[in-house]
Amino acid sequence: MKEYKVKVLVLLKDGLFDPQGKVIEDIIKSKNINVENVRIGKLIVFNIKSNSKEEILETINKQLATLFANPVVEKFEIEIEELNRL
């Protein structure tokens, strides 16, 4: 069994108003920096032991997805990196 680092990035779905993002965007623009569509999200990071990346994805999508994100208003992206332990 291998060890992996998993990163789950959770954001509001496209098209939904992000009030926190709008506040940050306005502050950045007030400094004469041209930005658009600032989004605020959350990052969940953990290590997990598994046989494969595919097994981790299946576990997340079947058992953990609603723990990480509200499927009505949020989406999430998953990044999985194998850890090389000596």
C-alpha atoms as a PDB file:
ATOM      1  CA  MET A   1       0.000   0.000   0.000  1.00  0.00           C
ATOM      2  CA  LYS A   2       1.319   3.450  -0.916  1.00  0.00           C
ATOM      3  CA  GLU A   3       0.920   6.788   0.825  1.00  0.00           C
ATOM      4  CA  TYR A   4      -0.529   9.773  -1.004  1.00  0.00           C
ATOM      5  CA  LYS A   5      -1.071  13.458  -0.289  1.00  0.00           C
ATOM      6  CA  VAL A   6      -4.534  14.601  -1.360  1.00  0.00           C
ATOM      7  CA  LYS A   7      -5.535  18.214  -1.927  1.00  0.00           C
ATOM      8  CA  VAL A   8      -9.206  19.073  -2.357  1.00  0.00           C
ATOM      9  CA  LEU A   9      -9.963  22.604  -3.568  1.00  0.00           C
ATOM     10  CA  VAL A  10     -13.569  23.662  -2.944  1.00  0.00           C
ATOM     11  CA  LEU A  11     -15.078  26.690  -4.724  1.00  0.00           C
ATOM     12  CA  LEU A  12     -18.531  28.062  -5.370  1.00  0.00           C
ATOM     13  CA  LYS A  13     -19.945  26.832  -8.662  1.00  0.00           C
ATOM     14  CA  ASP A  14     -19.401  29.045 -11.695  1.00  0.00           C
ATOM     15  CA  GLY A  15     -22.101  31.671 -12.081  1.00  0.00           C
ATOM     16  CA  LEU A  16     -22.850  31.955  -8.359  1.00  0.00           C
ATOM     17  CA  PHE A  17     -22.089  35.248  -6.651  1.00  0.00           C
ATOM     18  CA  ASP A  18     -19.078  35.044  -4.329  1.00  0.00           C
ATOM     19  CA  PRO A  19     -19.453  37.905  -1.822  1.00  0.00           C
ATOM     20  CA  GLN A  20     -16.050  37.300  -0.189  1.00  0.00           C
ATOM     21  CA  GLY A  21     -14.395  37.196  -3.593  1.00  0.00           C
ATOM     22  CA  LYS A  22     -16.105  40.458  -4.560  1.00  0.00           C
ATOM     23  CA  VAL A  23     -14.784  42.223  -1.432  1.00  0.00           C
ATOM     24  CA  ILE A  24     -11.226  41.048  -2.138  1.00  0.00           C
ATOM     25  CA  GLU A  25     -11.593  41.990  -5.816  1.00  0.00           C
ATOM     26  CA  ASP A  26     -12.720  45.513  -4.894  1.00  0.00           C
ATOM     27  CA  ILE A  27      -9.769  45.948  -2.523  1.00  0.00           C
ATOM     28  CA  ILE A  28      -7.299  44.766  -5.164  1.00  0.00           C
ATOM     29  CA  LYS A  29      -8.858  47.071  -7.767  1.00  0.00           C
ATOM     30  CA  SER A  30      -8.590  50.006  -5.332  1.00  0.00           C
ATOM     31  CA  LYS A  31      -4.818  49.500  -5.564  1.00  0.00           C
ATOM     32  CA  ASN A  32      -5.007  50.012  -9.344  1.00  0.00           C
ATOM     33  CA  ILE A  33      -4.469  46.325 -10.110  1.00  0.00           C
ATOM     34  CA  ASN A  34      -6.700  45.020 -12.876  1.00  0.00           C
ATOM     35  CA  VAL A  35      -8.252  41.737 -11.667  1.00  0.00           C
ATOM     36  CA  GLU A  36     -11.521  39.993 -12.434  1.00  0.00           C
ATOM     37  CA  ASN A  37     -13.621  37.144 -11.080  1.00  0.00           C
ATOM     38  CA  VAL A  38     -11.850  36.700  -7.727  1.00  0.00           C
ATOM     39  CA  ARG A  39     -13.102  33.548  -5.986  1.00  0.00           C
ATOM     40  CA  ILE A  40     -12.587  32.507  -2.375  1.00  0.00           C
ATOM     41  CA  GLY A  41     -12.555  28.820  -1.496  1.00  0.00           C
ATOM     42  CA  LYS A  42     -11.188  26.313   0.930  1.00  0.00           C
ATOM     43  CA  LEU A  43      -8.338  23.841   0.649  1.00  0.00           C
ATOM     44  CA  ILE A  44      -8.471  20.473   2.416  1.00  0.00           C
ATOM     45  CA  VAL A  45      -5.176  18.564   2.595  1.00  0.00           C
ATOM     46  CA  PHE A  46      -4.591  15.092   4.007  1.00  0.00           C
ATOM     47  CA  ASN A  47      -2.416  12.003   3.666  1.00  0.00           C
ATOM     48  CA  ILE A  48      -4.011   8.641   2.922  1.00  0.00           C
ATOM     49  CA  LYS A  49      -2.789   5.103   2.356  1.00  0.00           C
ATOM     50  CA  SER A  50      -4.273   3.360  -0.650  1.00  0.00           C
ATOM     51  CA  ASN A  51      -3.516   0.922  -3.436  1.00  0.00           C
ATOM     52  CA  SER A  52      -3.959   3.513  -6.196  1.00  0.00           C
ATOM     53  CA  LYS A  53      -4.986   7.044  -7.123  1.00  0.00           C
ATOM     54  CA  GLU A  54      -8.098   5.605  -8.775  1.00  0.00           C
ATOM     55  CA  GLU A  55      -9.130   3.980  -5.488  1.00  0.00           C
ATOM     56  CA  ILE A  56      -8.736   7.321  -3.689  1.00  0.00           C
ATOM     57  CA  LEU A  57     -10.857   9.120  -6.298  1.00  0.00           C
ATOM     58  CA  GLU A  58     -13.553   6.481  -6.006  1.00  0.00           C
ATOM     59  CA  THR A  59     -13.570   6.754  -2.204  1.00  0.00           C
ATOM     60  CA  ILE A  60     -13.786  10.537  -2.309  1.00  0.00           C
ATOM     61  CA  ASN A  61     -16.513  10.640  -4.943  1.00  0.00           C
ATOM     62  CA  LYS A  62     -18.653   7.921  -3.315  1.00  0.00           C
ATOM     63  CA  GLN A  63     -18.141   8.561   0.393  1.00  0.00           C
ATOM     64  CA  LEU A  64     -16.602  11.971   1.072  1.00  0.00           C
ATOM     65  CA  ALA A  65     -17.847  14.365  -1.618  1.00  0.00           C
ATOM     66  CA  THR A  66     -20.715  15.796   0.441  1.00  0.00           C
ATOM     67  CA  LEU A  67     -18.425  16.147   3.451  1.00  0.00           C
ATOM     68  CA  PHE A  68     -16.080  18.402   1.490  1.00  0.00           C
ATOM     69  CA  ALA A  69     -18.603  20.401  -0.556  1.00  0.00           C
ATOM     70  CA  ASN A  70     -22.285  21.250  -0.723  1.00  0.00           C
ATOM     71  CA  PRO A  71     -23.140  19.841  -4.169  1.00  0.00           C
ATOM     72  CA  VAL A  72     -25.910  22.396  -4.665  1.00  0.00           C
ATOM     73  CA  VAL A  73     -23.604  25.415  -4.642  1.00  0.00           C
ATOM     74  CA  GLU A  74     -20.021  24.132  -4.583  1.00  0.00           C
ATOM     75  CA  LYS A  75     -17.664  22.180  -6.801  1.00  0.00           C
ATOM     76  CA  PHE A  76     -14.334  20.620  -5.949  1.00  0.00           C
ATOM     77  CA  GLU A  77     -11.112  19.631  -7.662  1.00  0.00           C
ATOM     78  CA  ILE A  78      -8.825  16.873  -6.437  1.00  0.00           C
ATOM     79  CA  GLU A  79      -5.038  16.674  -6.730  1.00  0.00           C
ATOM     80  CA  ILE A  80      -3.318  13.445  -5.658  1.00  0.00           C
ATOM     81  CA  GLU A  81       0.444  13.112  -5.259  1.00  0.00           C
ATOM     82  CA  GLU A  82       2.243   9.896  -4.377  1.00  0.00           C
ATOM     83  CA  LEU A  83       4.608  10.351  -1.448  1.00  0.00           C
ATOM     84  CA  ASN A  84       7.987   8.694  -1.805  1.00  0.00           C
ATOM     85  CA  ARG A  85       8.944   7.508   1.649  1.00  0.00           C
ATOM     86  CA  LEU A  86      12.377   6.030   2.160  1.00  0.00           C
END
